[in-house]
Amino acid sequence: MKLLVLGCRWFASRWRNVWYRLLGVRIDGYCWLRAIEVPGHWNCIHLGEGVALDRGVILQISCPEPGSLLEIGAGTYVNRGTYFDAHVEMRVGRNCLIGPNCYFTDANHGCEPGVPVIAQKIETKPVIIGDNVWIGAQCIVLPGVTIGAGAVIGAGSIVTRSIPAGALAYGSPAQVARIINPVTGSDAGS
């Protein structure tokens, strides 16, 4: 019975690769795709080879402008329930680990006095995640943030400003606790 279930999951993932390619998503090689949601603007999405998207991941392109892009680099794993809300540019590097129930956005509503909330202009700034980044569960990454290669973001953090390469950061808002070596994970000063 277990073999039958595994076989069905394998077939479903293969079928999703074919289906999303037909819709216009650019997929390099094979990607492991569980029950994900891609509401539209498929031609603005690029998945590198070996990307793994677990159950409940949402890849949404909201209000796309010409050249809008949501890109997830080769070998990256995105855990359950994570939501990418891209308007202009959102890039996740290669070989990243993203915990469950995270939220990424490159847009925010303006705050102009006297203008109703619903009428505020959308302000966008790219979100860039470097290679080999680990983002813990239930993190929020806001517009204009760059997270450097090899950085680690602690669970439950709200990332409101850029984090340098090789840094360990956590909190709300996320603050750099120390710089770690992005290759070994050990303290840089040790």
C-alpha atoms as a PDB file:
ATOM      1  CA  MET A   1       0.000   0.000   0.000  1.00  0.00           C
ATOM      2  CA  LYS A   2       2.832   2.389   0.893  1.00  0.00           C
ATOM      3  CA  LEU A   3       4.384   1.788  -2.538  1.00  0.00           C
ATOM      4  CA  LEU A   4       1.076   2.614  -4.193  1.00  0.00           C
ATOM      5  CA  VAL A   5       0.824   5.927  -2.309  1.00  0.00           C
ATOM      6  CA  LEU A   6       4.430   6.837  -3.194  1.00  0.00           C
ATOM      7  CA  GLY A   7       3.790   5.946  -6.823  1.00  0.00           C
ATOM      8  CA  CYS A   8       0.704   8.169  -6.922  1.00  0.00           C
ATOM      9  CA  ARG A   9       2.633  11.086  -5.391  1.00  0.00           C
ATOM     10  CA  TRP A  10       5.447  10.620  -7.935  1.00  0.00           C
ATOM     11  CA  PHE A  11       2.949  10.587 -10.807  1.00  0.00           C
ATOM     12  CA  ALA A  12       1.084  13.649  -9.438  1.00  0.00           C
ATOM     13  CA  SER A  13       4.318  15.636  -9.153  1.00  0.00           C
ATOM     14  CA  ARG A  14       5.321  14.683 -12.722  1.00  0.00           C
ATOM     15  CA  TRP A  15       1.872  15.690 -13.961  1.00  0.00           C
ATOM     16  CA  ARG A  16       2.135  19.077 -12.193  1.00  0.00           C
ATOM     17  CA  ASN A  17       5.493  19.680 -13.939  1.00  0.00           C
ATOM     18  CA  VAL A  18       3.836  19.070 -17.311  1.00  0.00           C
ATOM     19  CA  TRP A  19       0.712  21.093 -16.420  1.00  0.00           C
ATOM     20  CA  TYR A  20       2.566  24.194 -15.207  1.00  0.00           C
ATOM     21  CA  ARG A  21       4.933  24.078 -18.185  1.00  0.00           C
ATOM     22  CA  LEU A  22       1.905  24.030 -20.503  1.00  0.00           C
ATOM     23  CA  LEU A  23       0.541  27.073 -18.668  1.00  0.00           C
ATOM     24  CA  GLY A  24       3.831  28.948 -19.210  1.00  0.00           C
ATOM     25  CA  VAL A  25       5.850  28.454 -15.999  1.00  0.00           C
ATOM     26  CA  ARG A  26       9.542  28.108 -16.873  1.00  0.00           C
ATOM     27  CA  ILE A  27      10.772  24.926 -15.150  1.00  0.00           C
ATOM     28  CA  ASP A  28      14.376  23.762 -15.572  1.00  0.00           C
ATOM     29  CA  GLY A  29      14.607  19.971 -15.427  1.00  0.00           C
ATOM     30  CA  TYR A  30      12.376  18.245 -12.896  1.00  0.00           C
ATOM     31  CA  CYS A  31      10.887  19.939  -9.813  1.00  0.00           C
ATOM     32  CA  TRP A  32       9.139  18.199  -6.928  1.00  0.00           C
ATOM     33  CA  LEU A  33       5.724  19.851  -6.820  1.00  0.00           C
ATOM     34  CA  ARG A  34       3.185  18.793  -4.204  1.00  0.00           C
ATOM     35  CA  ALA A  35      -0.316  20.335  -4.127  1.00  0.00           C
ATOM     36  CA  ILE A  36       0.781  23.927  -4.807  1.00  0.00           C
ATOM     37  CA  GLU A  37      -1.206  26.911  -6.035  1.00  0.00           C
ATOM     38  CA  VAL A  38      -0.207  29.181  -8.925  1.00  0.00           C
ATOM     39  CA  PRO A  39      -3.212  31.483  -9.554  1.00  0.00           C
ATOM     40  CA  GLY A  40      -2.004  33.052 -12.799  1.00  0.00           C
ATOM     41  CA  HIS A  41       0.626  35.033 -14.713  1.00  0.00           C
ATOM     42  CA  TRP A  42       2.493  31.765 -15.161  1.00  0.00           C
ATOM     43  CA  ASN A  43       4.985  33.200 -17.669  1.00  0.00           C
ATOM     44  CA  CYS A  44       6.424  35.416 -14.873  1.00  0.00           C
ATOM     45  CA  ILE A  45       7.580  32.406 -12.821  1.00  0.00           C
ATOM     46  CA  HIS A  46      10.872  30.520 -13.147  1.00  0.00           C
ATOM     47  CA  LEU A  47      11.765  27.406 -11.119  1.00  0.00           C
ATOM     48  CA  GLY A  48      15.332  26.088 -11.227  1.00  0.00           C
ATOM     49  CA  GLU A  49      16.149  22.397 -11.538  1.00  0.00           C
ATOM     50  CA  GLY A  50      15.448  20.347  -8.446  1.00  0.00           C
ATOM     51  CA  VAL A  51      13.262  22.944  -6.707  1.00  0.00           C
ATOM     52  CA  ALA A  52      10.935  21.280  -4.179  1.00  0.00           C
ATOM     53  CA  LEU A  53       7.647  22.986  -3.307  1.00  0.00           C
ATOM     54  CA  ASP A  54       5.699  21.265  -0.542  1.00  0.00           C
ATOM     55  CA  ARG A  55       1.930  21.138  -0.035  1.00  0.00           C
ATOM     56  CA  GLY A  56       0.134  24.492   0.176  1.00  0.00           C
ATOM     57  CA  VAL A  57       2.902  26.680  -1.293  1.00  0.00           C
ATOM     58  CA  ILE A  58       1.434  29.642  -3.207  1.00  0.00           C
ATOM     59  CA  LEU A  59       3.313  31.390  -6.036  1.00  0.00           C
ATOM     60  CA  GLN A  60       1.319  34.533  -6.815  1.00  0.00           C
ATOM     61  CA  ILE A  61       2.134  37.323  -9.226  1.00  0.00           C
ATOM     62  CA  SER A  62      -0.074  40.249  -8.173  1.00  0.00           C
ATOM     63  CA  CYS A  63      -0.568  43.271 -10.447  1.00  0.00           C
ATOM     64  CA  PRO A  64       2.291  42.295 -12.767  1.00  0.00           C
ATOM     65  CA  GLU A  65       4.257  44.961 -14.546  1.00  0.00           C
ATOM     66  CA  PRO A  66       6.190  44.210 -17.744  1.00  0.00           C
ATOM     67  CA  GLY A  67       9.218  42.147 -16.749  1.00  0.00           C
ATOM     68  CA  SER A  68       7.748  40.990 -13.419  1.00  0.00           C
ATOM     69  CA  LEU A  69       9.517  37.914 -12.118  1.00  0.00           C
ATOM     70  CA  LEU A  70       9.309  35.344  -9.343  1.00  0.00           C
ATOM     71  CA  GLU A  71      12.360  33.109  -9.507  1.00  0.00           C
ATOM     72  CA  ILE A  72      13.322  30.221  -7.224  1.00  0.00           C
ATOM     73  CA  GLY A  73      16.854  28.873  -7.711  1.00  0.00           C
ATOM     74  CA  ALA A  74      17.910  25.282  -8.316  1.00  0.00           C
ATOM     75  CA  GLY A  75      17.894  22.896  -5.377  1.00  0.00           C
ATOM     76  CA  THR A  76      15.793  25.138  -3.105  1.00  0.00           C
ATOM     77  CA  TYR A  77      13.228  23.541  -0.782  1.00  0.00           C
ATOM     78  CA  VAL A  78      10.117  25.491   0.259  1.00  0.00           C
ATOM     79  CA  ASN A  79       8.119  23.962   3.117  1.00  0.00           C
ATOM     80  CA  ARG A  80       4.330  23.769   3.560  1.00  0.00           C
ATOM     81  CA  GLY A  81       2.067  26.811   3.481  1.00  0.00           C
ATOM     82  CA  THR A  82       4.625  29.378   2.324  1.00  0.00           C
ATOM     83  CA  TYR A  83       3.239  32.290   0.296  1.00  0.00           C
ATOM     84  CA  PHE A  84       5.215  34.282  -2.300  1.00  0.00           C
ATOM     85  CA  ASP A  85       3.348  37.479  -3.292  1.00  0.00           C
ATOM     86  CA  ALA A  86       5.425  39.050  -6.067  1.00  0.00           C
ATOM     87  CA  HIS A  87       4.539  42.254  -7.890  1.00  0.00           C
ATOM     88  CA  VAL A  88       7.784  43.235  -9.611  1.00  0.00           C
ATOM     89  CA  GLU A  89      10.825  41.164  -8.612  1.00  0.00           C
ATOM     90  CA  MET A  90      11.389  38.366  -6.136  1.00  0.00           C
ATOM     91  CA  ARG A  91      14.407  36.083  -6.405  1.00  0.00           C
ATOM     92  CA  VAL A  92      15.328  33.171  -4.156  1.00  0.00           C
ATOM     93  CA  GLY A  93      18.839  31.775  -4.629  1.00  0.00           C
ATOM     94  CA  ARG A  94      20.085  28.244  -5.111  1.00  0.00           C
ATOM     95  CA  ASN A  95      20.031  25.560  -2.405  1.00  0.00           C
ATOM     96  CA  CYS A  96      17.961  27.545   0.098  1.00  0.00           C
ATOM     97  CA  LEU A  97      15.769  26.090   2.836  1.00  0.00           C
ATOM     98  CA  ILE A  98      12.544  27.925   3.622  1.00  0.00           C
ATOM     99  CA  GLY A  99      10.498  26.812   6.621  1.00  0.00           C
ATOM    100  CA  PRO A 100       6.741  26.325   6.765  1.00  0.00           C
ATOM    101  CA  ASN A 101       4.189  29.135   6.748  1.00  0.00           C
ATOM    102  CA  CYS A 102       6.502  31.958   5.652  1.00  0.00           C
ATOM    103  CA  TYR A 103       5.320  35.050   3.758  1.00  0.00           C
ATOM    104  CA  PHE A 104       7.338  37.006   1.174  1.00  0.00           C
ATOM    105  CA  THR A 105       6.167  40.221  -0.501  1.00  0.00           C
ATOM    106  CA  ASP A 106       7.801  42.901  -2.626  1.00  0.00           C
ATOM    107  CA  ALA A 107       4.914  45.386  -2.296  1.00  0.00           C
ATOM    108  CA  ASN A 108       3.127  47.462   0.284  1.00  0.00           C
ATOM    109  CA  HIS A 109       0.278  49.975   0.278  1.00  0.00           C
ATOM    110  CA  GLY A 110       1.231  53.630   0.580  1.00  0.00           C
ATOM    111  CA  CYS A 111       0.390  55.736   3.634  1.00  0.00           C
ATOM    112  CA  GLU A 112      -0.584  59.082   2.100  1.00  0.00           C
ATOM    113  CA  PRO A 113      -2.619  61.172   4.573  1.00  0.00           C
ATOM    114  CA  GLY A 114      -6.225  61.791   3.592  1.00  0.00           C
ATOM    115  CA  VAL A 115      -6.337  58.976   1.042  1.00  0.00           C
ATOM    116  CA  PRO A 116      -8.529  55.963   1.905  1.00  0.00           C
ATOM    117  CA  VAL A 117      -6.571  52.757   2.493  1.00  0.00           C
ATOM    118  CA  ILE A 118      -8.146  51.073  -0.513  1.00  0.00           C
ATOM    119  CA  ALA A 119      -7.087  53.971  -2.787  1.00  0.00           C
ATOM    120  CA  GLN A 120      -3.435  54.027  -1.672  1.00  0.00           C
ATOM    121  CA  LYS A 121      -0.842  53.404  -4.376  1.00  0.00           C
ATOM    122  CA  ILE A 122       1.114  50.163  -4.271  1.00  0.00           C
ATOM    123  CA  GLU A 123       4.824  50.728  -3.575  1.00  0.00           C
ATOM    124  CA  THR A 124       7.193  47.998  -4.751  1.00  0.00           C
ATOM    125  CA  LYS A 125      10.816  47.133  -3.975  1.00  0.00           C
ATOM    126  CA  PRO A 126      12.573  43.900  -5.006  1.00  0.00           C
ATOM    127  CA  VAL A 127      13.166  41.046  -2.571  1.00  0.00           C
ATOM    128  CA  ILE A 128      16.418  39.150  -3.159  1.00  0.00           C
ATOM    129  CA  ILE A 129      17.424  36.026  -1.212  1.00  0.00           C
ATOM    130  CA  GLY A 130      21.013  34.816  -1.798  1.00  0.00           C
ATOM    131  CA  ASP A 131      22.239  31.257  -2.259  1.00  0.00           C
ATOM    132  CA  ASN A 132      22.344  28.770   0.654  1.00  0.00           C
ATOM    133  CA  VAL A 133      20.045  30.827   2.887  1.00  0.00           C
ATOM    134  CA  TRP A 134      18.040  29.145   5.650  1.00  0.00           C
ATOM    135  CA  ILE A 135      14.805  30.874   6.652  1.00  0.00           C
ATOM    136  CA  GLY A 136      13.019  29.388   9.677  1.00  0.00           C
ATOM    137  CA  ALA A 137       9.317  28.721  10.112  1.00  0.00           C
ATOM    138  CA  GLN A 138       6.741  31.514  10.061  1.00  0.00           C
ATOM    139  CA  CYS A 139       9.085  34.287   8.916  1.00  0.00           C
ATOM    140  CA  ILE A 140       7.889  37.380   7.060  1.00  0.00           C
ATOM    141  CA  VAL A 141      10.157  39.065   4.498  1.00  0.00           C
ATOM    142  CA  LEU A 142       9.061  42.564   3.478  1.00  0.00           C
ATOM    143  CA  PRO A 143       9.728  44.757   0.390  1.00  0.00           C
ATOM    144  CA  GLY A 144      13.239  45.981  -0.344  1.00  0.00           C
ATOM    145  CA  VAL A 145      14.980  43.249   1.647  1.00  0.00           C
ATOM    146  CA  THR A 146      18.121  41.491   0.451  1.00  0.00           C
ATOM    147  CA  ILE A 147      19.297  38.491   2.459  1.00  0.00           C
ATOM    148  CA  GLY A 148      22.925  37.699   1.679  1.00  0.00           C
ATOM    149  CA  ALA A 149      24.292  34.264   0.789  1.00  0.00           C
ATOM    150  CA  GLY A 150      24.670  31.821   3.655  1.00  0.00           C
ATOM    151  CA  ALA A 151      22.515  33.826   6.075  1.00  0.00           C
ATOM    152  CA  VAL A 152      20.230  32.170   8.635  1.00  0.00           C
ATOM    153  CA  ILE A 153      16.943  33.797   9.693  1.00  0.00           C
ATOM    154  CA  GLY A 154      15.464  32.512  12.964  1.00  0.00           C
ATOM    155  CA  ALA A 155      11.909  31.196  13.147  1.00  0.00           C
ATOM    156  CA  GLY A 156       9.165  33.776  13.579  1.00  0.00           C
ATOM    157  CA  SER A 157      11.320  36.701  12.440  1.00  0.00           C
ATOM    158  CA  ILE A 158      10.013  39.721  10.557  1.00  0.00           C
ATOM    159  CA  VAL A 159      12.713  40.869   8.138  1.00  0.00           C
ATOM    160  CA  THR A 160      12.231  44.587   7.470  1.00  0.00           C
ATOM    161  CA  ARG A 161      15.746  45.484   6.285  1.00  0.00           C
ATOM    162  CA  SER A 162      18.596  43.741   4.486  1.00  0.00           C
ATOM    163  CA  ILE A 163      20.699  41.085   6.217  1.00  0.00           C
ATOM    164  CA  PRO A 164      24.380  40.651   5.237  1.00  0.00           C
ATOM    165  CA  ALA A 165      25.866  37.432   3.872  1.00  0.00           C
ATOM    166  CA  GLY A 166      26.713  34.828   6.474  1.00  0.00           C
ATOM    167  CA  ALA A 167      24.687  36.504   9.234  1.00  0.00           C
ATOM    168  CA  LEU A 168      22.497  34.888  11.862  1.00  0.00           C
ATOM    169  CA  ALA A 169      19.486  37.169  12.388  1.00  0.00           C
ATOM    170  CA  TYR A 170      16.239  36.829  14.306  1.00  0.00           C
ATOM    171  CA  GLY A 171      13.517  38.803  16.020  1.00  0.00           C
ATOM    172  CA  SER A 172      10.816  41.290  15.187  1.00  0.00           C
ATOM    173  CA  PRO A 173      12.240  43.198  13.477  1.00  0.00           C
ATOM    174  CA  ALA A 174      15.089  40.820  12.620  1.00  0.00           C
ATOM    175  CA  GLN A 175      18.453  41.951  13.993  1.00  0.00           C
ATOM    176  CA  VAL A 176      21.875  40.470  13.219  1.00  0.00           C
ATOM    177  CA  ALA A 177      23.023  38.447  16.247  1.00  0.00           C
ATOM    178  CA  ARG A 178      26.415  37.516  14.795  1.00  0.00           C
ATOM    179  CA  ILE A 179      28.195  36.696  11.563  1.00  0.00           C
ATOM    180  CA  ILE A 180      28.691  33.001  10.881  1.00  0.00           C
ATOM    181  CA  ASN A 181      30.822  31.399   8.214  1.00  0.00           C
ATOM    182  CA  PRO A 182      28.404  30.606   5.360  1.00  0.00           C
ATOM    183  CA  VAL A 183      30.356  27.474   4.392  1.00  0.00           C
ATOM    184  CA  THR A 184      30.830  25.730   7.735  1.00  0.00           C
ATOM    185  CA  GLY A 185      28.160  27.402   9.851  1.00  0.00           C
ATOM    186  CA  SER A 186      30.692  28.042  12.623  1.00  0.00           C
ATOM    187  CA  ASP A 187      31.297  31.420  14.270  1.00  0.00           C
ATOM    188  CA  ALA A 188      33.533  33.595  12.083  1.00  0.00           C
ATOM    189  CA  GLY A 189      35.586  34.683  15.128  1.00  0.00           C
ATOM    190  CA  SER A 190      36.307  31.130  16.383  1.00  0.00           C
END
